[in-house]
């Protein structure tokens, strides 16, 4: 399989999204299989482990860790110059069709694909898709797998970060303080939202003041690693309380689960002004800003023992 494809060769009939011209932001294995020879997308295997034991035929190794921050703040933004050098080694071009493959065994795997998608979109890549169900759906469709490491001719990129889809700690702090207006959506399971659990890198449990809780799992059938494609934009906006012209900010612990939430809201449902708070609660909890649902010392100790 070729690792490069020219977007100029695409026909208008393939265009389904302004940001993912070849397949749309979410592609099923059957659709991808039917178009592999004509579209010739670059496949990115983003698993941190297992690539050498078997991967989608032709897929390049682009581990998730390339797109993550340091251990003390995993959701922090990556260094753009470092990312640029790594993506050049993979031969990526900003207008080439790219399909992102996660492990695809659990719904949380989708978050890694969504975070990679968000990062690539924010650095100027224009033809992006996530394979719904990841590598497991590729295998289930009977598509070829091999263990041969793939390589490509290096490319030349000049990446800059577009903050259109980014919310910063300063942004959410202003909302929490009543100085700015946005809908803050905690995409974590309820125990995190309620302060009963916290990420190990967070300095304290709790959530953002004014935030509502709408977990990312709402977009997945129970136990399924594939995101539901039956998302009603009007119903979603009504259930969340999305207002036209107002930012909707998804967050979680480290911008992983929230990336899946942002992807569903922004890319699948097409809600405008949807943003991801990349650093999420780990970063916010270390900032010293006011939090909500933070238990007292005794209750927090009890919660830690119970967990």
C-alpha atoms as a PDB file:
ATOM      1  CA  UNK A   1       0.000   0.000   0.000  1.00  0.00           C
ATOM      2  CA  UNK A   2       1.297   3.489  -0.801  1.00  0.00           C
ATOM      3  CA  UNK A   3       1.883   5.860   2.080  1.00  0.00           C
ATOM      4  CA  UNK A   4       1.122   9.023   0.138  1.00  0.00           C
ATOM      5  CA  UNK A   5      -2.004  10.212  -1.629  1.00  0.00           C
ATOM      6  CA  UNK A   6      -2.732  13.438  -3.435  1.00  0.00           C
ATOM      7  CA  UNK A   7      -5.891  15.196  -2.322  1.00  0.00           C
ATOM      8  CA  UNK A   8      -6.147  16.678  -5.820  1.00  0.00           C
ATOM      9  CA  UNK A   9      -7.162  13.282  -7.117  1.00  0.00           C
ATOM     10  CA  UNK A  10     -10.260  13.108  -4.902  1.00  0.00           C
ATOM     11  CA  UNK A  11     -13.657  13.394  -6.545  1.00  0.00           C
ATOM     12  CA  UNK A  12     -16.387  15.628  -5.210  1.00  0.00           C
ATOM     13  CA  UNK A  13     -18.551  12.620  -4.453  1.00  0.00           C
ATOM     14  CA  UNK A  14     -16.151  11.557  -1.710  1.00  0.00           C
ATOM     15  CA  UNK A  15     -16.360  14.837   0.192  1.00  0.00           C
ATOM     16  CA  UNK A  16     -18.446  14.496   3.341  1.00  0.00           C
ATOM     17  CA  UNK A  17     -16.804  16.979   5.698  1.00  0.00           C
ATOM     18  CA  UNK A  18     -14.865  20.208   5.363  1.00  0.00           C
ATOM     19  CA  UNK A  19     -12.219  18.877   7.730  1.00  0.00           C
ATOM     20  CA  UNK A  20     -12.084  15.293   6.482  1.00  0.00           C
ATOM     21  CA  UNK A  21     -12.670  15.409   2.752  1.00  0.00           C
ATOM     22  CA  UNK A  22     -12.067  11.754   1.925  1.00  0.00           C
ATOM     23  CA  UNK A  23     -14.183   9.823   4.415  1.00  0.00           C
ATOM     24  CA  UNK A  24     -15.597  12.241   6.956  1.00  0.00           C
ATOM     25  CA  UNK A  25     -14.307  12.435  10.529  1.00  0.00           C
ATOM     26  CA  UNK A  26     -15.516   8.932  11.423  1.00  0.00           C
ATOM     27  CA  UNK A  27     -15.123   6.043   8.994  1.00  0.00           C
ATOM     28  CA  UNK A  28     -16.322   2.463   9.295  1.00  0.00           C
ATOM     29  CA  UNK A  29     -14.071  -0.446   8.308  1.00  0.00           C
ATOM     30  CA  UNK A  30     -16.288  -1.499   5.382  1.00  0.00           C
ATOM     31  CA  UNK A  31     -16.241   2.007   3.878  1.00  0.00           C
ATOM     32  CA  UNK A  32     -12.499   2.303   4.350  1.00  0.00           C
ATOM     33  CA  UNK A  33     -11.911  -1.114   2.805  1.00  0.00           C
ATOM     34  CA  UNK A  34     -13.926  -0.227  -0.287  1.00  0.00           C
ATOM     35  CA  UNK A  35     -11.839   2.906  -0.916  1.00  0.00           C
ATOM     36  CA  UNK A  36      -8.310   1.899   0.079  1.00  0.00           C
ATOM     37  CA  UNK A  37      -7.104   1.450  -3.494  1.00  0.00           C
ATOM     38  CA  UNK A  38      -8.653   4.655  -4.816  1.00  0.00           C
ATOM     39  CA  UNK A  39      -8.095   7.065  -1.919  1.00  0.00           C
ATOM     40  CA  UNK A  40      -4.839   5.482  -0.664  1.00  0.00           C
ATOM     41  CA  UNK A  41      -4.848   7.098   2.779  1.00  0.00           C
ATOM     42  CA  UNK A  42      -1.984   7.126   5.229  1.00  0.00           C
ATOM     43  CA  UNK A  43      -2.865   4.807   8.114  1.00  0.00           C
ATOM     44  CA  UNK A  44      -1.508   5.796  11.522  1.00  0.00           C
ATOM     45  CA  UNK A  45      -1.261   3.075  14.163  1.00  0.00           C
ATOM     46  CA  UNK A  46      -1.234   5.073  17.399  1.00  0.00           C
ATOM     47  CA  UNK A  47      -0.895   2.202  19.869  1.00  0.00           C
ATOM     48  CA  UNK A  48       2.035   2.609  22.234  1.00  0.00           C
ATOM     49  CA  UNK A  49       2.713  -1.124  22.153  1.00  0.00           C
ATOM     50  CA  UNK A  50       2.074  -4.061  19.838  1.00  0.00           C
ATOM     51  CA  UNK A  51       2.879  -2.540  16.451  1.00  0.00           C
ATOM     52  CA  UNK A  52       5.800  -4.887  15.864  1.00  0.00           C
ATOM     53  CA  UNK A  53       3.603  -7.917  16.608  1.00  0.00           C
ATOM     54  CA  UNK A  54       1.017  -7.021  13.984  1.00  0.00           C
ATOM     55  CA  UNK A  55      -0.609  -3.936  12.508  1.00  0.00           C
ATOM     56  CA  UNK A  56      -2.913  -2.895   9.695  1.00  0.00           C
ATOM     57  CA  UNK A  57      -1.175  -3.521   6.389  1.00  0.00           C
ATOM     58  CA  UNK A  58       0.723  -0.373   5.411  1.00  0.00           C
ATOM     59  CA  UNK A  59       0.150   1.447   8.707  1.00  0.00           C
ATOM     60  CA  UNK A  60       2.865   3.727  10.047  1.00  0.00           C
ATOM     61  CA  UNK A  61       3.815   3.669  13.726  1.00  0.00           C
ATOM     62  CA  UNK A  62       2.825   6.936  15.411  1.00  0.00           C
ATOM     63  CA  UNK A  63       2.475   6.049  19.118  1.00  0.00           C
ATOM     64  CA  UNK A  64       0.082   8.009  21.263  1.00  0.00           C
ATOM     65  CA  UNK A  65       2.917   9.161  23.510  1.00  0.00           C
ATOM     66  CA  UNK A  66       4.067  11.419  20.645  1.00  0.00           C
ATOM     67  CA  UNK A  67       0.930  13.484  21.195  1.00  0.00           C
ATOM     68  CA  UNK A  68       0.945  13.650  25.002  1.00  0.00           C
ATOM     69  CA  UNK A  69       2.494  15.881  27.627  1.00  0.00           C
ATOM     70  CA  UNK A  70       4.802  14.922  30.537  1.00  0.00           C
ATOM     71  CA  UNK A  71       3.839  12.591  33.397  1.00  0.00           C
ATOM     72  CA  UNK A  72       2.991  15.487  35.707  1.00  0.00           C
ATOM     73  CA  UNK A  73       0.601  16.919  33.112  1.00  0.00           C
ATOM     74  CA  UNK A  74      -0.232  14.251  30.475  1.00  0.00           C
ATOM     75  CA  UNK A  75      -2.851  16.443  28.820  1.00  0.00           C
ATOM     76  CA  UNK A  76      -0.475  19.342  28.278  1.00  0.00           C
ATOM     77  CA  UNK A  77       0.206  20.483  24.740  1.00  0.00           C
ATOM     78  CA  UNK A  78       3.088  18.865  22.905  1.00  0.00           C
ATOM     79  CA  UNK A  79       6.070  20.857  21.701  1.00  0.00           C
ATOM     80  CA  UNK A  80       5.133  21.754  18.126  1.00  0.00           C
ATOM     81  CA  UNK A  81       8.728  21.721  16.839  1.00  0.00           C
ATOM     82  CA  UNK A  82       9.305  18.240  18.277  1.00  0.00           C
ATOM     83  CA  UNK A  83       6.011  16.983  16.840  1.00  0.00           C
ATOM     84  CA  UNK A  84       6.886  18.534  13.488  1.00  0.00           C
ATOM     85  CA  UNK A  85      10.170  16.627  13.339  1.00  0.00           C
ATOM     86  CA  UNK A  86       8.477  13.345  14.243  1.00  0.00           C
ATOM     87  CA  UNK A  87       5.710  13.775  11.685  1.00  0.00           C
ATOM     88  CA  UNK A  88       8.256  14.699   9.010  1.00  0.00           C
ATOM     89  CA  UNK A  89       9.976  11.365   9.666  1.00  0.00           C
ATOM     90  CA  UNK A  90       6.639   9.693   8.957  1.00  0.00           C
ATOM     91  CA  UNK A  91       6.384  11.581   5.665  1.00  0.00           C
ATOM     92  CA  UNK A  92       3.081  13.225   6.525  1.00  0.00           C
ATOM     93  CA  UNK A  93       1.669  16.047   4.439  1.00  0.00           C
ATOM     94  CA  UNK A  94      -1.035  18.371   5.719  1.00  0.00           C
ATOM     95  CA  UNK A  95      -3.433  17.719   2.818  1.00  0.00           C
ATOM     96  CA  UNK A  96      -2.926  13.943   2.586  1.00  0.00           C
ATOM     97  CA  UNK A  97      -5.829  11.714   3.711  1.00  0.00           C
ATOM     98  CA  UNK A  98      -4.970  10.297   7.131  1.00  0.00           C
ATOM     99  CA  UNK A  99      -6.887   7.580   8.975  1.00  0.00           C
ATOM    100  CA  UNK A 100      -6.125   7.111  12.679  1.00  0.00           C
ATOM    101  CA  UNK A 101      -6.268   3.633  14.211  1.00  0.00           C
ATOM    102  CA  UNK A 102      -6.390   3.043  17.954  1.00  0.00           C
ATOM    103  CA  UNK A 103      -6.414  -0.380  19.647  1.00  0.00           C
ATOM    104  CA  UNK A 104     -10.202  -0.517  19.518  1.00  0.00           C
ATOM    105  CA  UNK A 105     -10.803  -2.836  22.462  1.00  0.00           C
ATOM    106  CA  UNK A 106     -12.591  -0.409  24.825  1.00  0.00           C
ATOM    107  CA  UNK A 107     -14.385   2.924  24.546  1.00  0.00           C
ATOM    108  CA  UNK A 108     -11.474   4.636  26.289  1.00  0.00           C
ATOM    109  CA  UNK A 109      -9.238   3.632  23.353  1.00  0.00           C
ATOM    110  CA  UNK A 110     -11.267   6.019  21.215  1.00  0.00           C
ATOM    111  CA  UNK A 111     -10.015   8.923  23.322  1.00  0.00           C
ATOM    112  CA  UNK A 112      -6.458   8.383  22.108  1.00  0.00           C
ATOM    113  CA  UNK A 113      -7.569   8.516  18.466  1.00  0.00           C
ATOM    114  CA  UNK A 114      -9.646  11.628  19.154  1.00  0.00           C
ATOM    115  CA  UNK A 115      -6.748  13.373  20.898  1.00  0.00           C
ATOM    116  CA  UNK A 116      -4.434  12.604  17.962  1.00  0.00           C
ATOM    117  CA  UNK A 117      -7.134  13.843  15.560  1.00  0.00           C
ATOM    118  CA  UNK A 118      -7.557  17.065  17.585  1.00  0.00           C
ATOM    119  CA  UNK A 119      -3.787  17.645  17.673  1.00  0.00           C
ATOM    120  CA  UNK A 120      -3.355  17.080  13.947  1.00  0.00           C
ATOM    121  CA  UNK A 121      -6.343  19.273  13.120  1.00  0.00           C
ATOM    122  CA  UNK A 122      -4.965  22.007  15.379  1.00  0.00           C
ATOM    123  CA  UNK A 123      -1.624  21.872  13.563  1.00  0.00           C
ATOM    124  CA  UNK A 124      -3.070  22.251  10.072  1.00  0.00           C
ATOM    125  CA  UNK A 125      -3.868  18.749   8.824  1.00  0.00           C
ATOM    126  CA  UNK A 126      -7.060  18.959   6.798  1.00  0.00           C
ATOM    127  CA  UNK A 127      -8.076  15.446   5.716  1.00  0.00           C
ATOM    128  CA  UNK A 128      -8.489  13.429   8.905  1.00  0.00           C
ATOM    129  CA  UNK A 129     -10.574  10.419   9.867  1.00  0.00           C
ATOM    130  CA  UNK A 130     -10.791   8.006  12.784  1.00  0.00           C
ATOM    131  CA  UNK A 131     -11.423   4.341  12.036  1.00  0.00           C
ATOM    132  CA  UNK A 132     -14.422   3.543  14.222  1.00  0.00           C
ATOM    133  CA  UNK A 133     -13.468   0.579  16.369  1.00  0.00           C
ATOM    134  CA  UNK A 134      -9.766   0.884  15.589  1.00  0.00           C
ATOM    135  CA  UNK A 135      -7.539  -2.039  14.737  1.00  0.00           C
ATOM    136  CA  UNK A 136     -10.073  -4.533  16.090  1.00  0.00           C
ATOM    137  CA  UNK A 137     -12.647  -3.401  13.525  1.00  0.00           C
ATOM    138  CA  UNK A 138      -9.971  -3.613  10.803  1.00  0.00           C
ATOM    139  CA  UNK A 139      -9.309  -7.240  11.761  1.00  0.00           C
ATOM    140  CA  UNK A 140     -13.026  -8.035  12.032  1.00  0.00           C
ATOM    141  CA  UNK A 141     -13.499  -6.783   8.473  1.00  0.00           C
ATOM    142  CA  UNK A 142     -10.903  -9.292   7.270  1.00  0.00           C
ATOM    143  CA  UNK A 143      -8.449  -6.623   6.203  1.00  0.00           C
ATOM    144  CA  UNK A 144      -4.763  -7.610   6.013  1.00  0.00           C
ATOM    145  CA  UNK A 145      -2.439  -7.443   9.006  1.00  0.00           C
ATOM    146  CA  UNK A 146       1.338  -7.852   8.984  1.00  0.00           C
ATOM    147  CA  UNK A 147       4.281  -7.389  11.330  1.00  0.00           C
ATOM    148  CA  UNK A 148       6.644  -5.636   8.929  1.00  0.00           C
ATOM    149  CA  UNK A 149       7.671  -2.164  10.066  1.00  0.00           C
ATOM    150  CA  UNK A 150       6.592   0.455   7.527  1.00  0.00           C
ATOM    151  CA  UNK A 151       8.539   3.556   6.578  1.00  0.00           C
ATOM    152  CA  UNK A 152       8.083   6.539   4.310  1.00  0.00           C
ATOM    153  CA  UNK A 153      10.122   9.243   2.590  1.00  0.00           C
ATOM    154  CA  UNK A 154      10.504  12.177   5.003  1.00  0.00           C
ATOM    155  CA  UNK A 155       8.469  15.277   4.312  1.00  0.00           C
ATOM    156  CA  UNK A 156       8.949  18.949   5.115  1.00  0.00           C
ATOM    157  CA  UNK A 157       6.405  20.621   7.370  1.00  0.00           C
ATOM    158  CA  UNK A 158       5.998  24.028   8.945  1.00  0.00           C
ATOM    159  CA  UNK A 159       3.531  23.456  11.737  1.00  0.00           C
ATOM    160  CA  UNK A 160       1.895  26.125  13.853  1.00  0.00           C
ATOM    161  CA  UNK A 161      -0.752  25.553  16.511  1.00  0.00           C
ATOM    162  CA  UNK A 162      -4.247  26.914  15.823  1.00  0.00           C
ATOM    163  CA  UNK A 163      -6.054  27.505  19.129  1.00  0.00           C
ATOM    164  CA  UNK A 164      -9.544  27.574  17.545  1.00  0.00           C
ATOM    165  CA  UNK A 165     -10.450  24.285  19.269  1.00  0.00           C
ATOM    166  CA  UNK A 166      -8.436  24.869  22.449  1.00  0.00           C
ATOM    167  CA  UNK A 167      -9.534  26.123  25.855  1.00  0.00           C
ATOM    168  CA  UNK A 168      -6.741  27.069  28.258  1.00  0.00           C
ATOM    169  CA  UNK A 169      -6.587  27.151  32.044  1.00  0.00           C
ATOM    170  CA  UNK A 170      -6.943  30.926  31.817  1.00  0.00           C
ATOM    171  CA  UNK A 171     -10.081  30.496  29.696  1.00  0.00           C
ATOM    172  CA  UNK A 172     -11.838  28.101  32.066  1.00  0.00           C
ATOM    173  CA  UNK A 173     -10.694  30.049  35.122  1.00  0.00           C
ATOM    174  CA  UNK A 174     -12.394  33.132  33.702  1.00  0.00           C
ATOM    175  CA  UNK A 175     -15.617  31.149  33.248  1.00  0.00           C
ATOM    176  CA  UNK A 176     -15.387  29.744  36.765  1.00  0.00           C
ATOM    177  CA  UNK A 177     -14.905  33.263  38.137  1.00  0.00           C
ATOM    178  CA  UNK A 178     -17.906  34.600  36.232  1.00  0.00           C
ATOM    179  CA  UNK A 179     -15.704  36.789  34.038  1.00  0.00           C
ATOM    180  CA  UNK A 180     -16.484  34.904  30.825  1.00  0.00           C
ATOM    181  CA  UNK A 181     -19.399  32.897  29.486  1.00  0.00           C
ATOM    182  CA  UNK A 182     -19.017  29.310  28.262  1.00  0.00           C
ATOM    183  CA  UNK A 183     -20.554  25.909  28.861  1.00  0.00           C
ATOM    184  CA  UNK A 184     -18.088  23.722  30.780  1.00  0.00           C
ATOM    185  CA  UNK A 185     -18.743  20.002  30.343  1.00  0.00           C
ATOM    186  CA  UNK A 186     -17.054  17.443  32.594  1.00  0.00           C
ATOM    187  CA  UNK A 187     -16.804  14.326  30.415  1.00  0.00           C
ATOM    188  CA  UNK A 188     -15.636  12.044  33.241  1.00  0.00           C
ATOM    189  CA  UNK A 189     -17.653   9.363  35.044  1.00  0.00           C
ATOM    190  CA  UNK A 190     -19.749  10.734  37.912  1.00  0.00           C
ATOM    191  CA  UNK A 191     -17.374   9.660  40.712  1.00  0.00           C
ATOM    192  CA  UNK A 192     -14.722  12.021  39.338  1.00  0.00           C
ATOM    193  CA  UNK A 193     -17.212  14.854  38.849  1.00  0.00           C
ATOM    194  CA  UNK A 194     -18.518  14.402  42.397  1.00  0.00           C
ATOM    195  CA  UNK A 195     -15.027  14.428  43.894  1.00  0.00           C
ATOM    196  CA  UNK A 196     -15.017  10.797  44.999  1.00  0.00           C
ATOM    197  CA  UNK A 197     -12.132   9.935  42.683  1.00  0.00           C
ATOM    198  CA  UNK A 198      -9.173  11.853  41.252  1.00  0.00           C
ATOM    199  CA  UNK A 199      -6.425  11.194  38.744  1.00  0.00           C
ATOM    200  CA  UNK A 200      -3.117  10.265  40.370  1.00  0.00           C
ATOM    201  CA  UNK A 201      -1.449  13.374  38.928  1.00  0.00           C
ATOM    202  CA  UNK A 202      -4.184  15.731  40.162  1.00  0.00           C
ATOM    203  CA  UNK A 203      -3.370  17.717  43.302  1.00  0.00           C
ATOM    204  CA  UNK A 204      -6.978  17.462  44.546  1.00  0.00           C
ATOM    205  CA  UNK A 205     -10.311  15.953  43.506  1.00  0.00           C
ATOM    206  CA  UNK A 206     -13.261  17.932  42.224  1.00  0.00           C
ATOM    207  CA  UNK A 207     -14.439  19.673  39.087  1.00  0.00           C
ATOM    208  CA  UNK A 208     -14.626  23.115  37.510  1.00  0.00           C
ATOM    209  CA  UNK A 209     -17.084  25.565  39.056  1.00  0.00           C
ATOM    210  CA  UNK A 210     -20.309  25.875  36.975  1.00  0.00           C
ATOM    211  CA  UNK A 211     -19.527  22.636  35.072  1.00  0.00           C
ATOM    212  CA  UNK A 212     -22.172  20.068  34.161  1.00  0.00           C
ATOM    213  CA  UNK A 213     -21.478  16.329  33.983  1.00  0.00           C
ATOM    214  CA  UNK A 214     -21.983  14.573  30.637  1.00  0.00           C
ATOM    215  CA  UNK A 215     -19.729  11.562  30.391  1.00  0.00           C
ATOM    216  CA  UNK A 216     -18.027  10.631  27.142  1.00  0.00           C
ATOM    217  CA  UNK A 217     -19.554   7.137  27.414  1.00  0.00           C
ATOM    218  CA  UNK A 218     -22.906   8.653  26.399  1.00  0.00           C
ATOM    219  CA  UNK A 219     -21.660   8.392  22.806  1.00  0.00           C
ATOM    220  CA  UNK A 220     -20.926   4.665  22.996  1.00  0.00           C
ATOM    221  CA  UNK A 221     -23.162   1.664  23.350  1.00  0.00           C
ATOM    222  CA  UNK A 222     -22.286  -0.134  26.581  1.00  0.00           C
ATOM    223  CA  UNK A 223     -19.157  -2.185  26.128  1.00  0.00           C
ATOM    224  CA  UNK A 224     -18.578  -1.048  22.546  1.00  0.00           C
ATOM    225  CA  UNK A 225     -15.276   0.523  21.450  1.00  0.00           C
ATOM    226  CA  UNK A 226     -17.017   2.130  18.460  1.00  0.00           C
ATOM    227  CA  UNK A 227     -18.652   5.539  18.745  1.00  0.00           C
ATOM    228  CA  UNK A 228     -22.339   5.713  17.895  1.00  0.00           C
ATOM    229  CA  UNK A 229     -23.055   7.443  14.605  1.00  0.00           C
ATOM    230  CA  UNK A 230     -26.687   8.069  15.600  1.00  0.00           C
ATOM    231  CA  UNK A 231     -26.082  11.414  17.294  1.00  0.00           C
ATOM    232  CA  UNK A 232     -28.931  13.901  16.914  1.00  0.00           C
ATOM    233  CA  UNK A 233     -27.305  17.371  16.937  1.00  0.00           C
ATOM    234  CA  UNK A 234     -30.485  19.190  18.013  1.00  0.00           C
ATOM    235  CA  UNK A 235     -31.176  16.738  20.831  1.00  0.00           C
ATOM    236  CA  UNK A 236     -27.561  16.870  21.966  1.00  0.00           C
ATOM    237  CA  UNK A 237     -27.518  20.665  22.037  1.00  0.00           C
ATOM    238  CA  UNK A 238     -30.781  20.696  23.973  1.00  0.00           C
ATOM    239  CA  UNK A 239     -29.621  18.124  26.527  1.00  0.00           C
ATOM    240  CA  UNK A 240     -26.344  19.939  27.164  1.00  0.00           C
ATOM    241  CA  UNK A 241     -27.819  23.417  27.064  1.00  0.00           C
ATOM    242  CA  UNK A 242     -25.615  24.559  24.187  1.00  0.00           C
ATOM    243  CA  UNK A 243     -26.282  28.157  23.177  1.00  0.00           C
ATOM    244  CA  UNK A 244     -25.481  29.590  19.750  1.00  0.00           C
ATOM    245  CA  UNK A 245     -22.312  31.666  19.794  1.00  0.00           C
ATOM    246  CA  UNK A 246     -21.274  30.309  23.199  1.00  0.00           C
ATOM    247  CA  UNK A 247     -18.220  28.081  23.620  1.00  0.00           C
ATOM    248  CA  UNK A 248     -18.775  24.494  24.715  1.00  0.00           C
ATOM    249  CA  UNK A 249     -15.672  23.233  26.534  1.00  0.00           C
ATOM    250  CA  UNK A 250     -15.137  19.506  27.112  1.00  0.00           C
ATOM    251  CA  UNK A 251     -12.702  18.457  29.835  1.00  0.00           C
ATOM    252  CA  UNK A 252     -11.780  15.372  31.872  1.00  0.00           C
ATOM    253  CA  UNK A 253      -8.642  14.420  33.820  1.00  0.00           C
ATOM    254  CA  UNK A 254      -5.991  14.715  31.109  1.00  0.00           C
ATOM    255  CA  UNK A 255      -7.791  15.657  27.894  1.00  0.00           C
ATOM    256  CA  UNK A 256      -8.210  12.004  26.836  1.00  0.00           C
ATOM    257  CA  UNK A 257     -11.837  11.078  27.552  1.00  0.00           C
ATOM    258  CA  UNK A 258     -12.718  14.709  26.822  1.00  0.00           C
ATOM    259  CA  UNK A 259     -11.132  14.411  23.370  1.00  0.00           C
ATOM    260  CA  UNK A 260     -13.698  11.709  22.555  1.00  0.00           C
ATOM    261  CA  UNK A 261     -16.446  13.981  23.913  1.00  0.00           C
ATOM    262  CA  UNK A 262     -15.169  16.960  21.902  1.00  0.00           C
ATOM    263  CA  UNK A 263     -14.968  14.790  18.773  1.00  0.00           C
ATOM    264  CA  UNK A 264     -18.585  13.664  19.140  1.00  0.00           C
ATOM    265  CA  UNK A 265     -19.819  17.196  19.796  1.00  0.00           C
ATOM    266  CA  UNK A 266     -17.675  19.066  17.260  1.00  0.00           C
ATOM    267  CA  UNK A 267     -16.907  16.650  14.458  1.00  0.00           C
ATOM    268  CA  UNK A 268     -19.849  14.211  14.472  1.00  0.00           C
ATOM    269  CA  UNK A 269     -22.667  16.462  15.706  1.00  0.00           C
ATOM    270  CA  UNK A 270     -21.211  19.595  14.084  1.00  0.00           C
ATOM    271  CA  UNK A 271     -21.715  21.859  17.109  1.00  0.00           C
ATOM    272  CA  UNK A 272     -19.930  25.148  16.508  1.00  0.00           C
ATOM    273  CA  UNK A 273     -17.536  26.712  19.016  1.00  0.00           C
ATOM    274  CA  UNK A 274     -16.704  23.347  20.599  1.00  0.00           C
ATOM    275  CA  UNK A 275     -13.351  23.328  22.375  1.00  0.00           C
ATOM    276  CA  UNK A 276     -11.148  20.917  24.321  1.00  0.00           C
ATOM    277  CA  UNK A 277      -9.536  21.885  27.606  1.00  0.00           C
ATOM    278  CA  UNK A 278      -6.404  19.904  26.869  1.00  0.00           C
ATOM    279  CA  UNK A 279      -4.785  20.021  30.303  1.00  0.00           C
ATOM    280  CA  UNK A 280      -8.122  19.357  32.009  1.00  0.00           C
ATOM    281  CA  UNK A 281      -8.418  18.717  35.757  1.00  0.00           C
ATOM    282  CA  UNK A 282      -4.836  17.602  36.336  1.00  0.00           C
ATOM    283  CA  UNK A 283      -3.575  20.940  35.044  1.00  0.00           C
ATOM    284  CA  UNK A 284      -6.379  22.944  36.648  1.00  0.00           C
ATOM    285  CA  UNK A 285      -6.007  21.290  40.056  1.00  0.00           C
ATOM    286  CA  UNK A 286      -2.335  22.312  40.092  1.00  0.00           C
ATOM    287  CA  UNK A 287      -3.176  25.939  39.269  1.00  0.00           C
ATOM    288  CA  UNK A 288      -4.514  26.881  42.701  1.00  0.00           C
ATOM    289  CA  UNK A 289      -7.787  28.127  41.253  1.00  0.00           C
ATOM    290  CA  UNK A 290     -11.145  27.526  42.919  1.00  0.00           C
ATOM    291  CA  UNK A 291     -12.712  24.097  42.395  1.00  0.00           C
ATOM    292  CA  UNK A 292     -16.148  22.614  42.984  1.00  0.00           C
ATOM    293  CA  UNK A 293     -17.164  19.293  44.574  1.00  0.00           C
ATOM    294  CA  UNK A 294     -13.855  19.067  46.418  1.00  0.00           C
ATOM    295  CA  UNK A 295     -14.371  17.020  49.595  1.00  0.00           C
ATOM    296  CA  UNK A 296     -12.970  17.973  52.975  1.00  0.00           C
ATOM    297  CA  UNK A 297      -9.783  16.367  54.276  1.00  0.00           C
ATOM    298  CA  UNK A 298     -11.559  13.609  56.217  1.00  0.00           C
ATOM    299  CA  UNK A 299     -13.963  12.736  53.420  1.00  0.00           C
ATOM    300  CA  UNK A 300     -11.143  12.810  50.867  1.00  0.00           C
ATOM    301  CA  UNK A 301      -9.149  10.355  53.015  1.00  0.00           C
ATOM    302  CA  UNK A 302     -12.169   8.059  53.259  1.00  0.00           C
ATOM    303  CA  UNK A 303     -12.665   8.266  49.466  1.00  0.00           C
ATOM    304  CA  UNK A 304      -9.012   7.348  48.858  1.00  0.00           C
ATOM    305  CA  UNK A 305      -9.289   4.353  51.183  1.00  0.00           C
ATOM    306  CA  UNK A 306     -12.474   3.170  49.498  1.00  0.00           C
ATOM    307  CA  UNK A 307     -10.931   3.550  46.047  1.00  0.00           C
END
